[in-house]
Amino acid sequence: MRLDLGHKGDWIVDPRELALRLGVSVAALKRHERLGQVEARIKPGSGADAAETRVTVRLNDKGWRGTFDRSGALIAEERW
């Protein structure tokens, strides 16, 4: 999984990989997103973690958090 910067300056993750991690289909993930039921936060690192970015995504009672390095590569993740 990668975190990439889109052409509009937005951050992008592959919805197929995110849906898999949340345990839903891509269609369901997109439907929940359209309905405003997907909460996503991107937090840049600071201090010793300045080269990292943390992405947290919540969908109802499910969640996923990924930590990405400066190049956009996933270096750690957790699910709940």
N, C-alpha and C. Protein backbone atom coordinates (compact mmCIF):
# COMPACT_ATOMS: atom_id res chain seq x y z
N MET A 1 0.86 -1.17 0.00
CA MET A 1 0.00 0.00 0.00
C MET A 1 0.90 1.22 0.00
N ARG A 2 0.45 2.23 -0.74
CA ARG A 2 1.20 3.48 -0.84
C ARG A 2 0.28 4.66 -0.54
N LEU A 3 0.89 5.73 -0.10
CA LEU A 3 0.22 7.01 0.09
C LEU A 3 0.83 7.94 -0.94
N ASP A 4 0.01 8.40 -1.89
CA ASP A 4 0.51 9.24 -2.98
C ASP A 4 -0.19 10.59 -2.97
N LEU A 5 0.52 11.60 -3.42
CA LEU A 5 -0.03 12.94 -3.55
C LEU A 5 -0.71 13.07 -4.91
N GLY A 6 -2.00 13.43 -4.90
CA GLY A 6 -2.76 13.59 -6.13
C GLY A 6 -2.43 14.90 -6.83
N HIS A 7 -2.92 15.05 -8.05
CA HIS A 7 -2.62 16.25 -8.84
C HIS A 7 -3.26 17.51 -8.27
N LYS A 8 -4.23 17.38 -7.38
CA LYS A 8 -4.86 18.54 -6.75
C LYS A 8 -4.29 18.81 -5.36
N GLY A 9 -3.21 18.10 -5.01
CA GLY A 9 -2.61 18.28 -3.70
C GLY A 9 -3.23 17.43 -2.62
N ASP A 10 -4.15 16.55 -3.01
CA ASP A 10 -4.80 15.67 -2.05
C ASP A 10 -4.02 14.35 -1.92
N TRP A 11 -4.16 13.70 -0.77
CA TRP A 11 -3.48 12.43 -0.54
C TRP A 11 -4.38 11.30 -0.97
N ILE A 12 -3.79 10.29 -1.60
CA ILE A 12 -4.57 9.20 -2.18
C ILE A 12 -4.01 7.85 -1.73
N VAL A 13 -4.91 6.94 -1.32
CA VAL A 13 -4.56 5.54 -1.11
C VAL A 13 -5.47 4.73 -2.04
N ASP A 14 -5.02 3.56 -2.42
CA ASP A 14 -5.79 2.70 -3.32
C ASP A 14 -7.04 2.22 -2.59
N PRO A 15 -8.25 2.53 -3.11
CA PRO A 15 -9.47 2.14 -2.41
C PRO A 15 -9.62 0.62 -2.29
N ARG A 16 -9.05 -0.14 -3.23
CA ARG A 16 -9.13 -1.61 -3.14
C ARG A 16 -8.37 -2.11 -1.91
N GLU A 17 -7.20 -1.54 -1.69
CA GLU A 17 -6.41 -1.97 -0.53
C GLU A 17 -7.03 -1.50 0.78
N LEU A 18 -7.58 -0.29 0.77
CA LEU A 18 -8.22 0.22 1.98
C LEU A 18 -9.47 -0.59 2.30
N ALA A 19 -10.29 -0.90 1.30
CA ALA A 19 -11.50 -1.71 1.51
C ALA A 19 -11.15 -3.07 2.09
N LEU A 20 -10.10 -3.69 1.57
CA LEU A 20 -9.65 -4.98 2.08
C LEU A 20 -9.28 -4.88 3.56
N ARG A 21 -8.59 -3.84 3.92
CA ARG A 21 -8.17 -3.67 5.31
C ARG A 21 -9.34 -3.38 6.24
N LEU A 22 -10.40 -2.78 5.71
CA LEU A 22 -11.59 -2.49 6.52
C LEU A 22 -12.61 -3.62 6.48
N GLY A 23 -12.36 -4.63 5.64
CA GLY A 23 -13.25 -5.78 5.57
C GLY A 23 -14.55 -5.53 4.84
N VAL A 24 -14.52 -4.61 3.87
CA VAL A 24 -15.72 -4.32 3.06
C VAL A 24 -15.33 -4.36 1.58
N SER A 25 -16.33 -4.39 0.72
CA SER A 25 -16.06 -4.33 -0.71
C SER A 25 -15.73 -2.89 -1.11
N VAL A 26 -15.12 -2.74 -2.27
CA VAL A 26 -14.81 -1.40 -2.77
C VAL A 26 -16.10 -0.62 -3.00
N ALA A 27 -17.12 -1.30 -3.53
CA ALA A 27 -18.41 -0.63 -3.77
C ALA A 27 -19.01 -0.14 -2.45
N ALA A 28 -18.93 -0.97 -1.41
CA ALA A 28 -19.47 -0.56 -0.10
C ALA A 28 -18.68 0.61 0.46
N LEU A 29 -17.36 0.57 0.33
CA LEU A 29 -16.53 1.68 0.82
C LEU A 29 -16.90 2.98 0.12
N LYS A 30 -17.05 2.93 -1.19
CA LYS A 30 -17.42 4.13 -1.95
C LYS A 30 -18.81 4.62 -1.57
N ARG A 31 -19.75 3.68 -1.35
CA ARG A 31 -21.10 4.07 -0.95
C ARG A 31 -21.07 4.75 0.42
N HIS A 32 -20.36 4.17 1.37
CA HIS A 32 -20.25 4.78 2.70
C HIS A 32 -19.59 6.17 2.62
N GLU A 33 -18.61 6.29 1.75
CA GLU A 33 -17.95 7.59 1.59
C GLU A 33 -18.92 8.64 1.05
N ARG A 34 -19.70 8.27 0.04
CA ARG A 34 -20.70 9.21 -0.51
C ARG A 34 -21.72 9.63 0.54
N LEU A 35 -22.03 8.72 1.46
CA LEU A 35 -23.01 9.00 2.51
C LEU A 35 -22.39 9.72 3.71
N GLY A 36 -21.09 10.01 3.63
CA GLY A 36 -20.42 10.73 4.71
C GLY A 36 -20.13 9.87 5.93
N GLN A 37 -20.06 8.55 5.75
CA GLN A 37 -19.86 7.63 6.86
C GLN A 37 -18.41 7.18 7.03
N VAL A 38 -17.53 7.70 6.19
CA VAL A 38 -16.11 7.36 6.30
C VAL A 38 -15.38 8.59 6.84
N GLU A 39 -14.71 8.39 7.95
CA GLU A 39 -13.93 9.48 8.55
C GLU A 39 -12.45 9.19 8.30
N ALA A 40 -11.77 10.13 7.69
CA ALA A 40 -10.34 9.94 7.40
C ALA A 40 -9.56 11.15 7.90
N ARG A 41 -8.43 10.85 8.53
CA ARG A 41 -7.55 11.92 9.03
C ARG A 41 -6.13 11.62 8.61
N ILE A 42 -5.43 12.66 8.23
CA ILE A 42 -4.02 12.55 7.87
C ILE A 42 -3.25 13.48 8.79
N LYS A 43 -2.27 12.91 9.47
CA LYS A 43 -1.49 13.70 10.43
C LYS A 43 -0.01 13.56 10.11
N PRO A 44 0.63 14.66 9.76
CA PRO A 44 2.08 14.60 9.53
C PRO A 44 2.80 14.40 10.86
N GLY A 45 3.92 13.70 10.79
CA GLY A 45 4.72 13.47 11.99
C GLY A 45 5.41 14.74 12.46
N SER A 46 5.92 14.68 13.68
CA SER A 46 6.67 15.81 14.22
C SER A 46 7.80 15.27 15.08
N GLY A 47 8.76 16.10 15.34
CA GLY A 47 9.90 15.69 16.16
C GLY A 47 10.64 14.52 15.55
N ALA A 48 10.82 13.46 16.32
CA ALA A 48 11.54 12.27 15.85
C ALA A 48 10.80 11.56 14.73
N ASP A 49 9.49 11.79 14.63
CA ASP A 49 8.66 11.15 13.59
C ASP A 49 8.35 12.08 12.43
N ALA A 50 9.12 13.13 12.24
CA ALA A 50 8.83 14.14 11.23
C ALA A 50 8.80 13.59 9.81
N ALA A 51 9.48 12.49 9.55
CA ALA A 51 9.53 11.92 8.21
C ALA A 51 8.36 10.96 7.94
N GLU A 52 7.44 10.87 8.89
CA GLU A 52 6.33 9.94 8.75
C GLU A 52 5.00 10.67 8.69
N THR A 53 4.01 10.00 8.09
CA THR A 53 2.65 10.51 8.02
C THR A 53 1.73 9.41 8.50
N ARG A 54 0.80 9.74 9.37
CA ARG A 54 -0.15 8.76 9.88
C ARG A 54 -1.53 9.02 9.27
N VAL A 55 -2.13 7.96 8.74
CA VAL A 55 -3.47 8.04 8.16
C VAL A 55 -4.39 7.17 9.00
N THR A 56 -5.50 7.73 9.45
CA THR A 56 -6.49 6.99 10.22
C THR A 56 -7.82 7.04 9.48
N VAL A 57 -8.43 5.87 9.28
CA VAL A 57 -9.71 5.78 8.59
C VAL A 57 -10.67 5.00 9.48
N ARG A 58 -11.86 5.56 9.69
CA ARG A 58 -12.89 4.89 10.49
C ARG A 58 -14.15 4.72 9.65
N LEU A 59 -14.74 3.56 9.78
CA LEU A 59 -15.99 3.25 9.10
C LEU A 59 -16.85 2.49 10.09
N ASN A 60 -17.88 3.14 10.60
CA ASN A 60 -18.75 2.55 11.62
C ASN A 60 -17.90 2.04 12.78
N ASP A 61 -17.91 0.74 13.04
CA ASP A 61 -17.16 0.19 14.17
C ASP A 61 -15.81 -0.37 13.76
N LYS A 62 -15.37 -0.09 12.54
CA LYS A 62 -14.09 -0.59 12.04
C LYS A 62 -13.12 0.57 11.87
N GLY A 63 -11.85 0.26 11.98
CA GLY A 63 -10.86 1.30 11.79
C GLY A 63 -9.54 0.73 11.31
N TRP A 64 -8.77 1.58 10.69
CA TRP A 64 -7.45 1.23 10.21
C TRP A 64 -6.55 2.45 10.34
N ARG A 65 -5.31 2.20 10.76
CA ARG A 65 -4.33 3.28 10.85
C ARG A 65 -3.05 2.80 10.19
N GLY A 66 -2.54 3.61 9.28
CA GLY A 66 -1.29 3.29 8.62
C GLY A 66 -0.28 4.39 8.82
N THR A 67 0.97 4.01 8.97
CA THR A 67 2.06 4.97 9.06
C THR A 67 2.90 4.81 7.80
N PHE A 68 3.13 5.93 7.14
CA PHE A 68 3.84 5.94 5.86
C PHE A 68 5.14 6.74 6.01
N ASP A 69 6.17 6.28 5.30
CA ASP A 69 7.43 7.03 5.33
C ASP A 69 7.36 8.16 4.31
N ARG A 70 8.42 8.93 4.23
CA ARG A 70 8.47 10.10 3.36
C ARG A 70 8.22 9.76 1.88
N SER A 71 8.61 8.56 1.45
CA SER A 71 8.41 8.16 0.06
C SER A 71 6.99 7.68 -0.23
N GLY A 72 6.16 7.55 0.82
CA GLY A 72 4.78 7.10 0.66
C GLY A 72 4.59 5.62 0.89
N ALA A 73 5.64 4.90 1.30
CA ALA A 73 5.54 3.46 1.56
C ALA A 73 4.96 3.20 2.95
N LEU A 74 4.08 2.22 3.04
CA LEU A 74 3.50 1.82 4.32
C LEU A 74 4.57 1.13 5.17
N ILE A 75 4.78 1.63 6.39
CA ILE A 75 5.80 1.03 7.25
C ILE A 75 5.22 0.39 8.51
N ALA A 76 3.97 0.70 8.83
CA ALA A 76 3.30 0.08 9.99
C ALA A 76 1.80 0.27 9.83
N GLU A 77 1.04 -0.66 10.41
CA GLU A 77 -0.41 -0.51 10.36
C GLU A 77 -1.07 -1.25 11.51
N GLU A 78 -2.28 -0.83 11.83
CA GLU A 78 -3.07 -1.51 12.83
C GLU A 78 -4.54 -1.42 12.44
N ARG A 79 -5.29 -2.40 12.89
CA ARG A 79 -6.75 -2.45 12.60
C ARG A 79 -7.52 -2.68 13.89
N TRP A 80 -8.73 -2.23 13.89
CA TRP A 80 -9.61 -2.51 15.02
C TRP A 80 -11.04 -2.59 14.55
